[in-house]
PDB file of all heavy atoms in Angstrom:
ATOM      1  N   SER A   1       0.828  -1.208   0.000  1.00  0.00           N
ATOM      2  CA  SER A   1       0.000   0.000   0.000  1.00  0.00           C
ATOM      3  C   SER A   1       0.858   1.251   0.000  1.00  0.00           C
ATOM      4  O   SER A   1       0.637   2.189   0.769  1.00  0.00           O
ATOM      5  CB  SER A   1      -0.948  -0.005   1.205  1.00  0.00           C
ATOM      6  OG  SER A   1      -1.795  -1.135   1.183  1.00  0.00           O
ATOM      7  N   LEU A   2       1.824   1.261  -0.872  1.00  0.00           N
ATOM      8  CA  LEU A   2       2.772   2.365  -0.903  1.00  0.00           C
ATOM      9  C   LEU A   2       2.105   3.676  -1.294  1.00  0.00           C
ATOM     10  O   LEU A   2       1.180   3.705  -2.115  1.00  0.00           O
ATOM     11  CB  LEU A   2       3.907   2.046  -1.867  1.00  0.00           C
ATOM     12  CG  LEU A   2       4.937   1.054  -1.325  1.00  0.00           C
ATOM     13  CD1 LEU A   2       5.766   0.459  -2.458  1.00  0.00           C
ATOM     14  CD2 LEU A   2       5.841   1.736  -0.303  1.00  0.00           C
ATOM     15  N   LYS A   3       2.595   4.730  -0.689  1.00  0.00           N
ATOM     16  CA  LYS A   3       2.096   6.073  -0.921  1.00  0.00           C
ATOM     17  C   LYS A   3       3.210   6.950  -1.471  1.00  0.00           C
ATOM     18  O   LYS A   3       4.381   6.682  -1.231  1.00  0.00           O
ATOM     19  CB  LYS A   3       1.577   6.682   0.389  1.00  0.00           C
ATOM     20  CG  LYS A   3       0.533   5.856   1.108  1.00  0.00           C
ATOM     21  CD  LYS A   3       0.201   6.474   2.457  1.00  0.00           C
ATOM     22  CE  LYS A   3      -0.824   5.656   3.206  1.00  0.00           C
ATOM     23  NZ  LYS A   3      -1.128   6.251   4.542  1.00  0.00           N
ATOM     24  N   PRO A   4       2.857   7.997  -2.181  1.00  0.00           N
ATOM     25  CA  PRO A   4       3.904   8.902  -2.670  1.00  0.00           C
ATOM     26  C   PRO A   4       4.811   9.423  -1.559  1.00  0.00           C
ATOM     27  O   PRO A   4       6.007   9.626  -1.794  1.00  0.00           O
ATOM     28  CB  PRO A   4       3.110  10.033  -3.327  1.00  0.00           C
ATOM     29  CG  PRO A   4       1.858   9.374  -3.790  1.00  0.00           C
ATOM     30  CD  PRO A   4       1.533   8.359  -2.718  1.00  0.00           C
ATOM     31  N   GLU A   5       4.274   9.628  -0.377  1.00  0.00           N
ATOM     32  CA  GLU A   5       5.084  10.114   0.726  1.00  0.00           C
ATOM     33  C   GLU A   5       6.077   9.086   1.246  1.00  0.00           C
ATOM     34  O   GLU A   5       6.922   9.407   2.088  1.00  0.00           O
ATOM     35  CB  GLU A   5       4.195  10.616   1.880  1.00  0.00           C
ATOM     36  CG  GLU A   5       3.104   9.644   2.281  1.00  0.00           C
ATOM     37  CD  GLU A   5       1.768   9.969   1.635  1.00  0.00           C
ATOM     38  OE1 GLU A   5       1.752  10.256   0.422  1.00  0.00           O
ATOM     39  OE2 GLU A   5       0.736   9.945   2.341  1.00  0.00           O
ATOM     40  N   ASP A   6       5.997   7.856   0.769  1.00  0.00           N
ATOM     41  CA  ASP A   6       6.997   6.857   1.103  1.00  0.00           C
ATOM     42  C   ASP A   6       8.260   7.004   0.258  1.00  0.00           C
ATOM     43  O   ASP A   6       9.248   6.317   0.514  1.00  0.00           O
ATOM     44  CB  ASP A   6       6.442   5.447   0.910  1.00  0.00           C
ATOM     45  CG  ASP A   6       5.321   5.115   1.882  1.00  0.00           C
ATOM     46  OD1 ASP A   6       5.438   5.468   3.074  1.00  0.00           O
ATOM     47  OD2 ASP A   6       4.335   4.493   1.451  1.00  0.00           O
ATOM     48  N   THR A   7       8.208   7.854  -0.738  1.00  0.00           N
ATOM     49  CA  THR A   7       9.360   8.069  -1.596  1.00  0.00           C
ATOM     50  C   THR A   7      10.540   8.568  -0.779  1.00  0.00           C
ATOM     51  O   THR A   7      10.441   9.568  -0.069  1.00  0.00           O
ATOM     52  CB  THR A   7       9.027   9.073  -2.701  1.00  0.00           C
ATOM     53  OG1 THR A   7       8.014   8.525  -3.551  1.00  0.00           O
ATOM     54  CG2 THR A   7      10.256   9.393  -3.541  1.00  0.00           C
ATOM     55  N   ALA A   8      11.659   7.871  -0.882  1.00  0.00           N
ATOM     56  CA  ALA A   8      12.842   8.215  -0.108  1.00  0.00           C
ATOM     57  C   ALA A   8      13.975   7.278  -0.490  1.00  0.00           C
ATOM     58  O   ALA A   8      13.772   6.288  -1.196  1.00  0.00           O
ATOM     59  CB  ALA A   8      12.560   8.107   1.395  1.00  0.00           C
ATOM     60  N   VAL A   9      15.151   7.604  -0.008  1.00  0.00           N
ATOM     61  CA  VAL A   9      16.262   6.677  -0.057  1.00  0.00           C
ATOM     62  C   VAL A   9      16.202   5.830   1.199  1.00  0.00           C
ATOM     63  O   VAL A   9      16.219   6.354   2.314  1.00  0.00           O
ATOM     64  CB  VAL A   9      17.614   7.406  -0.156  1.00  0.00           C
ATOM     65  CG1 VAL A   9      18.764   6.403  -0.071  1.00  0.00           C
ATOM     66  CG2 VAL A   9      17.704   8.196  -1.450  1.00  0.00           C
ATOM     67  N   TYR A  10      16.118   4.545   1.011  1.00  0.00           N
ATOM     68  CA  TYR A  10      16.040   3.610   2.124  1.00  0.00           C
ATOM     69  C   TYR A  10      17.403   2.991   2.355  1.00  0.00           C
ATOM     70  O   TYR A  10      18.036   2.484   1.422  1.00  0.00           O
ATOM     71  CB  TYR A  10      15.011   2.518   1.839  1.00  0.00           C
ATOM     72  CG  TYR A  10      13.584   2.993   1.937  1.00  0.00           C
ATOM     73  CD1 TYR A  10      13.055   3.862   0.990  1.00  0.00           C
ATOM     74  CD2 TYR A  10      12.766   2.587   2.990  1.00  0.00           C
ATOM     75  CE1 TYR A  10      11.752   4.321   1.093  1.00  0.00           C
ATOM     76  CE2 TYR A  10      11.461   3.030   3.095  1.00  0.00           C
ATOM     77  CZ  TYR A  10      10.956   3.898   2.142  1.00  0.00           C
ATOM     78  OH  TYR A  10       9.655   4.340   2.244  1.00  0.00           O
ATOM     79  N   SER A  11      17.854   3.023   3.604  1.00  0.00           N
ATOM     80  CA  SER A  11      19.177   2.533   3.949  1.00  0.00           C
ATOM     81  C   SER A  11      19.085   1.439   4.994  1.00  0.00           C
ATOM     82  O   SER A  11      18.350   1.565   5.976  1.00  0.00           O
ATOM     83  CB  SER A  11      20.059   3.664   4.490  1.00  0.00           C
ATOM     84  OG  SER A  11      20.222   4.688   3.527  1.00  0.00           O
ATOM     85  N   CYS A  12      19.841   0.401   4.776  1.00  0.00           N
ATOM     86  CA  CYS A  12      19.918  -0.697   5.718  1.00  0.00           C
ATOM     87  C   CYS A  12      20.917  -0.356   6.811  1.00  0.00           C
ATOM     88  O   CYS A  12      21.952   0.261   6.559  1.00  0.00           O
ATOM     89  CB  CYS A  12      20.332  -1.966   4.987  1.00  0.00           C
ATOM     90  SG  CYS A  12      20.489  -3.428   6.031  1.00  0.00           S
ATOM     91  N   ASN A  13      20.603  -0.776   8.005  1.00  0.00           N
ATOM     92  CA  ASN A  13      21.441  -0.518   9.164  1.00  0.00           C
ATOM     93  C   ASN A  13      21.648  -1.812   9.928  1.00  0.00           C
ATOM     94  O   ASN A  13      20.730  -2.624  10.063  1.00  0.00           O
ATOM     95  CB  ASN A  13      20.785   0.535  10.061  1.00  0.00           C
ATOM     96  CG  ASN A  13      21.448   0.668  11.421  1.00  0.00           C
ATOM     97  OD1 ASN A  13      21.146  -0.099  12.337  1.00  0.00           O
ATOM     98  ND2 ASN A  13      22.337   1.640  11.548  1.00  0.00           N
ATOM     99  N   ALA A  14      22.855  -1.993  10.417  1.00  0.00           N
ATOM    100  CA  ALA A  14      23.157  -3.143  11.259  1.00  0.00           C
ATOM    101  C   ALA A  14      23.988  -2.695  12.440  1.00  0.00           C
ATOM    102  O   ALA A  14      24.950  -1.937  12.279  1.00  0.00           O
ATOM    103  CB  ALA A  14      23.894  -4.219  10.469  1.00  0.00           C
ATOM    104  N   GLU A  15      23.612  -3.140  13.601  1.00  0.00           N
ATOM    105  CA  GLU A  15      24.361  -2.860  14.818  1.00  0.00           C
ATOM    106  C   GLU A  15      24.898  -4.174  15.339  1.00  0.00           C
ATOM    107  O   GLU A  15      24.155  -5.150  15.450  1.00  0.00           O
ATOM    108  CB  GLU A  15      23.476  -2.189  15.863  1.00  0.00           C
ATOM    109  CG  GLU A  15      24.207  -1.713  17.106  1.00  0.00           C
ATOM    110  CD  GLU A  15      24.327  -2.801  18.166  1.00  0.00           C
ATOM    111  OE1 GLU A  15      23.390  -3.613  18.304  1.00  0.00           O
ATOM    112  OE2 GLU A  15      25.364  -2.843  18.866  1.00  0.00           O
ATOM    113  N   GLY A  16      26.186  -4.179  15.647  1.00  0.00           N
ATOM    114  CA  GLY A  16      26.793  -5.414  16.085  1.00  0.00           C
ATOM    115  C   GLY A  16      27.826  -5.222  17.168  1.00  0.00           C
ATOM    116  O   GLY A  16      28.190  -4.099  17.529  1.00  0.00           O
ATOM    117  N   THR A  17      28.282  -6.330  17.670  1.00  0.00           N
ATOM    118  CA  THR A  17      29.305  -6.370  18.701  1.00  0.00           C
ATOM    119  C   THR A  17      30.447  -7.243  18.222  1.00  0.00           C
ATOM    120  O   THR A  17      30.229  -8.371  17.778  1.00  0.00           O
ATOM    121  CB  THR A  17      28.742  -6.932  20.015  1.00  0.00           C
ATOM    122  OG1 THR A  17      27.615  -6.160  20.431  1.00  0.00           O
ATOM    123  CG2 THR A  17      29.800  -6.905  21.105  1.00  0.00           C
ATOM    124  N   SER A  18      31.650  -6.724  18.288  1.00  0.00           N
ATOM    125  CA  SER A  18      32.810  -7.486  17.864  1.00  0.00           C
ATOM    126  C   SER A  18      33.128  -8.561  18.887  1.00  0.00           C
ATOM    127  O   SER A  18      32.621  -8.558  20.010  1.00  0.00           O
ATOM    128  CB  SER A  18      34.018  -6.574  17.673  1.00  0.00           C
ATOM    129  OG  SER A  18      34.563  -6.196  18.924  1.00  0.00           O
ATOM    130  N   ILE A  19      33.999  -9.455  18.489  1.00  0.00           N
ATOM    131  CA  ILE A  19      34.402 -10.510  19.406  1.00  0.00           C
ATOM    132  C   ILE A  19      35.182  -9.954  20.584  1.00  0.00           C
ATOM    133  O   ILE A  19      35.382 -10.655  21.584  1.00  0.00           O
ATOM    134  CB  ILE A  19      35.232 -11.587  18.681  1.00  0.00           C
ATOM    135  CG1 ILE A  19      36.488 -10.975  18.059  1.00  0.00           C
ATOM    136  CG2 ILE A  19      34.376 -12.286  17.637  1.00  0.00           C
ATOM    137  CD1 ILE A  19      37.397 -11.999  17.411  1.00  0.00           C
ATOM    138  N   PHE A  20      35.605  -8.708  20.484  1.00  0.00           N
ATOM    139  CA  PHE A  20      36.319  -8.055  21.577  1.00  0.00           C
ATOM    140  C   PHE A  20      35.397  -7.202  22.445  1.00  0.00           C
ATOM    141  O   PHE A  20      35.860  -6.586  23.402  1.00  0.00           O
ATOM    142  CB  PHE A  20      37.454  -7.187  21.023  1.00  0.00           C
ATOM    143  CG  PHE A  20      38.390  -7.943  20.137  1.00  0.00           C
ATOM    144  CD1 PHE A  20      38.406  -7.718  18.769  1.00  0.00           C
ATOM    145  CD2 PHE A  20      39.248  -8.890  20.658  1.00  0.00           C
ATOM    146  CE1 PHE A  20      39.261  -8.415  17.941  1.00  0.00           C
ATOM    147  CE2 PHE A  20      40.106  -9.604  19.842  1.00  0.00           C
ATOM    148  CZ  PHE A  20      40.112  -9.364  18.480  1.00  0.00           C
ATOM    149  N   GLY A  21      34.142  -7.148  22.100  1.00  0.00           N
ATOM    150  CA  GLY A  21      33.164  -6.446  22.904  1.00  0.00           C
ATOM    151  C   GLY A  21      32.820  -5.040  22.467  1.00  0.00           C
ATOM    152  O   GLY A  21      31.979  -4.394  23.101  1.00  0.00           O
ATOM    153  N   SER A  22      33.435  -4.538  21.429  1.00  0.00           N
ATOM    154  CA  SER A  22      33.146  -3.196  20.962  1.00  0.00           C
ATOM    155  C   SER A  22      31.914  -3.185  20.065  1.00  0.00           C
ATOM    156  O   SER A  22      31.693  -4.113  19.290  1.00  0.00           O
ATOM    157  CB  SER A  22      34.342  -2.613  20.213  1.00  0.00           C
ATOM    158  OG  SER A  22      34.664  -3.407  19.085  1.00  0.00           O
ATOM    159  N   ARG A  23      31.137  -2.137  20.168  1.00  0.00           N
ATOM    160  CA  ARG A  23      29.927  -2.004  19.373  1.00  0.00           C
ATOM    161  C   ARG A  23      30.155  -1.092  18.179  1.00  0.00           C
ATOM    162  O   ARG A  23      30.834  -0.074  18.275  1.00  0.00           O
ATOM    163  CB  ARG A  23      28.785  -1.471  20.217  1.00  0.00           C
ATOM    164  CG  ARG A  23      28.345  -2.438  21.310  1.00  0.00           C
ATOM    165  CD  ARG A  23      27.009  -2.057  21.872  1.00  0.00           C
ATOM    166  NE  ARG A  23      26.526  -3.057  22.806  1.00  0.00           N
ATOM    167  CZ  ARG A  23      25.280  -3.146  23.250  1.00  0.00           C
ATOM    168  NH1 ARG A  23      24.381  -2.264  22.839  1.00  0.00           N
ATOM    169  NH2 ARG A  23      24.935  -4.090  24.094  1.00  0.00           N
ATOM    170  N   ARG A  24      29.572  -1.464  17.071  1.00  0.00           N
ATOM    171  CA  ARG A  24      29.689  -0.697  15.845  1.00  0.00           C
ATOM    172  C   ARG A  24      28.353  -0.664  15.130  1.00  0.00           C
ATOM    173  O   ARG A  24      27.537  -1.578  15.272  1.00  0.00           O
ATOM    174  CB  ARG A  24      30.738  -1.308  14.910  1.00  0.00           C
ATOM    175  CG  ARG A  24      32.146  -1.336  15.475  1.00  0.00           C
ATOM    176  CD  ARG A  24      32.780   0.044  15.436  1.00  0.00           C
ATOM    177  NE  ARG A  24      34.194  -0.010  15.776  1.00  0.00           N
ATOM    178  CZ  ARG A  24      34.677   0.024  17.002  1.00  0.00           C
ATOM    179  NH1 ARG A  24      33.835   0.126  18.033  1.00  0.00           N
ATOM    180  NH2 ARG A  24      35.981  -0.031  17.215  1.00  0.00           N
ATOM    181  N   THR A  25      28.156   0.383  14.378  1.00  0.00           N
ATOM    182  CA  THR A  25      26.972   0.525  13.539  1.00  0.00           C
ATOM    183  C   THR A  25      27.416   0.682  12.092  1.00  0.00           C
ATOM    184  O   THR A  25      28.326   1.455  11.795  1.00  0.00           O
ATOM    185  CB  THR A  25      26.126   1.726  13.966  1.00  0.00           C
ATOM    186  OG1 THR A  25      25.703   1.548  15.319  1.00  0.00           O
ATOM    187  CG2 THR A  25      24.900   1.860  13.073  1.00  0.00           C
ATOM    188  N   TYR A  26      26.756  -0.035  11.206  1.00  0.00           N
ATOM    189  CA  TYR A  26      27.111  -0.020   9.798  1.00  0.00           C
ATOM    190  C   TYR A  26      25.893   0.326   8.962  1.00  0.00           C
ATOM    191  O   TYR A  26      24.755   0.061   9.355  1.00  0.00           O
ATOM    192  CB  TYR A  26      27.672  -1.374   9.366  1.00  0.00           C
ATOM    193  CG  TYR A  26      28.932  -1.753  10.104  1.00  0.00           C
ATOM    194  CD1 TYR A  26      28.877  -2.484  11.275  1.00  0.00           C
ATOM    195  CD2 TYR A  26      30.181  -1.350   9.627  1.00  0.00           C
ATOM    196  CE1 TYR A  26      30.029  -2.822  11.964  1.00  0.00           C
ATOM    197  CE2 TYR A  26      31.334  -1.683  10.312  1.00  0.00           C
ATOM    198  CZ  TYR A  26      31.252  -2.417  11.474  1.00  0.00           C
ATOM    199  OH  TYR A  26      32.405  -2.742  12.151  1.00  0.00           O
ATOM    200  N   TRP A  27      26.166   0.899   7.805  1.00  0.00           N
ATOM    201  CA  TRP A  27      25.115   1.330   6.894  1.00  0.00           C
ATOM    202  C   TRP A  27      25.345   0.778   5.503  1.00  0.00           C
ATOM    203  O   TRP A  27      26.481   0.673   5.028  1.00  0.00           O
ATOM    204  CB  TRP A  27      25.071   2.855   6.809  1.00  0.00           C
ATOM    205  CG  TRP A  27      24.659   3.506   8.085  1.00  0.00           C
ATOM    206  CD1 TRP A  27      25.464   3.923   9.092  1.00  0.00           C
ATOM    207  CD2 TRP A  27      23.317   3.810   8.480  1.00  0.00           C
ATOM    208  NE1 TRP A  27      24.717   4.467  10.107  1.00  0.00           N
ATOM    209  CE2 TRP A  27      23.402   4.421   9.759  1.00  0.00           C
ATOM    210  CE3 TRP A  27      22.067   3.643   7.887  1.00  0.00           C
ATOM    211  CZ2 TRP A  27      22.268   4.851  10.455  1.00  0.00           C
ATOM    212  CZ3 TRP A  27      20.949   4.071   8.578  1.00  0.00           C
ATOM    213  CH2 TRP A  27      21.058   4.672   9.843  1.00  0.00           C
ATOM    214  N   GLY A  28      24.253   0.451   4.860  1.00  0.00           N
ATOM    215  CA  GLY A  28      24.311   0.100   3.462  1.00  0.00           C
ATOM    216  C   GLY A  28      24.399   1.345   2.599  1.00  0.00           C
ATOM    217  O   GLY A  28      24.379   2.476   3.096  1.00  0.00           O
ATOM    218  N   GLN A  29      24.495   1.133   1.314  1.00  0.00           N
ATOM    219  CA  GLN A  29      24.680   2.249   0.391  1.00  0.00           C
ATOM    220  C   GLN A  29      23.394   3.026   0.129  1.00  0.00           C
ATOM    221  O   GLN A  29      23.451   4.151  -0.373  1.00  0.00           O
ATOM    222  CB  GLN A  29      25.248   1.735  -0.939  1.00  0.00           C
ATOM    223  CG  GLN A  29      24.236   1.042  -1.849  1.00  0.00           C
ATOM    224  CD  GLN A  29      23.898  -0.377  -1.438  1.00  0.00           C
ATOM    225  OE1 GLN A  29      24.379  -0.892  -0.433  1.00  0.00           O
ATOM    226  NE2 GLN A  29      23.051  -1.032  -2.230  1.00  0.00           N
ATOM    227  N   GLY A  30      22.270   2.459   0.456  1.00  0.00           N
ATOM    228  CA  GLY A  30      20.989   3.085   0.208  1.00  0.00           C
ATOM    229  C   GLY A  30      20.396   2.676  -1.123  1.00  0.00           C
ATOM    230  O   GLY A  30      21.113   2.472  -2.098  1.00  0.00           O
ATOM    231  N   THR A  31      19.085   2.567  -1.151  1.00  0.00           N
ATOM    232  CA  THR A  31      18.391   2.228  -2.383  1.00  0.00           C
ATOM    233  C   THR A  31      17.176   3.137  -2.528  1.00  0.00           C
ATOM    234  O   THR A  31      16.459   3.392  -1.562  1.00  0.00           O
ATOM    235  CB  THR A  31      17.980   0.738  -2.398  1.00  0.00           C
ATOM    236  OG1 THR A  31      17.381   0.413  -3.649  1.00  0.00           O
ATOM    237  CG2 THR A  31      17.017   0.409  -1.270  1.00  0.00           C
ATOM    238  N   GLN A  32      16.974   3.632  -3.715  1.00  0.00           N
ATOM    239  CA  GLN A  32      15.906   4.592  -3.968  1.00  0.00           C
ATOM    240  C   GLN A  32      14.570   3.884  -4.147  1.00  0.00           C
ATOM    241  O   GLN A  32      14.448   2.944  -4.936  1.00  0.00           O
ATOM    242  CB  GLN A  32      16.215   5.426  -5.213  1.00  0.00           C
ATOM    243  CG  GLN A  32      15.123   6.425  -5.592  1.00  0.00           C
ATOM    244  CD  GLN A  32      15.023   7.580  -4.626  1.00  0.00           C
ATOM    245  OE1 GLN A  32      16.043   8.157  -4.248  1.00  0.00           O
ATOM    246  NE2 GLN A  32      13.798   7.918  -4.215  1.00  0.00           N
ATOM    247  N   VAL A  33      13.584   4.360  -3.429  1.00  0.00           N
ATOM    248  CA  VAL A  33      12.206   3.923  -3.607  1.00  0.00           C
ATOM    249  C   VAL A  33      11.396   5.136  -4.030  1.00  0.00           C
ATOM    250  O   VAL A  33      11.364   6.149  -3.330  1.00  0.00           O
ATOM    251  CB  VAL A  33      11.618   3.321  -2.323  1.00  0.00           C
ATOM    252  CG1 VAL A  33      10.122   3.060  -2.483  1.00  0.00           C
ATOM    253  CG2 VAL A  33      12.348   2.036  -1.959  1.00  0.00           C
ATOM    254  N   THR A  34      10.759   5.030  -5.177  1.00  0.00           N
ATOM    255  CA  THR A  34       9.949   6.117  -5.697  1.00  0.00           C
ATOM    256  C   THR A  34       8.535   5.616  -5.943  1.00  0.00           C
ATOM    257  O   THR A  34       8.340   4.618  -6.641  1.00  0.00           O
ATOM    258  CB  THR A  34      10.537   6.671  -7.001  1.00  0.00           C
ATOM    259  OG1 THR A  34      11.879   7.126  -6.779  1.00  0.00           O
ATOM    260  CG2 THR A  34       9.700   7.836  -7.514  1.00  0.00           C
ATOM    261  N   VAL A  35       7.575   6.307  -5.369  1.00  0.00           N
ATOM    262  CA  VAL A  35       6.172   5.937  -5.502  1.00  0.00           C
ATOM    263  C   VAL A  35       5.459   7.057  -6.243  1.00  0.00           C
ATOM    264  O   VAL A  35       5.403   8.198  -5.768  1.00  0.00           O
ATOM    265  CB  VAL A  35       5.510   5.696  -4.144  1.00  0.00           C
ATOM    266  CG1 VAL A  35       4.077   5.218  -4.330  1.00  0.00           C
ATOM    267  CG2 VAL A  35       6.311   4.684  -3.335  1.00  0.00           C
ATOM    268  N   SER A  36       4.927   6.743  -7.383  1.00  0.00           N
ATOM    269  CA  SER A  36       4.243   7.734  -8.189  1.00  0.00           C
ATOM    270  C   SER A  36       2.758   7.779  -7.840  1.00  0.00           C
ATOM    271  O   SER A  36       2.159   6.766  -7.462  1.00  0.00           O
ATOM    272  CB  SER A  36       4.422   7.434  -9.679  1.00  0.00           C
ATOM    273  OG  SER A  36       3.858   6.178 -10.016  1.00  0.00           O
ATOM    274  N   SER A  37       2.164   8.946  -7.977  1.00  0.00           N
ATOM    275  CA  SER A  37       0.754   9.117  -7.669  1.00  0.00           C
ATOM    276  C   SER A  37      -0.118   8.766  -8.849  1.00  0.00           C
ATOM    277  O   SER A  37       0.355   8.582  -9.971  1.00  0.00           O
ATOM    278  CB  SER A  37       0.487  10.548  -7.218  1.00  0.00           C
ATOM    279  OG  SER A  37       0.831  11.461  -8.237  1.00  0.00           O
TER     280      SER A  37
END
């Protein structure tokens, strides 16, 4: 039920913990979603 207002660049995000206990956040390159009226 996509709406024109859903138009945006959508980016994937992952939050993880290394084997040493440090936390990191990573991002994908983004993908364009365009919804026409």
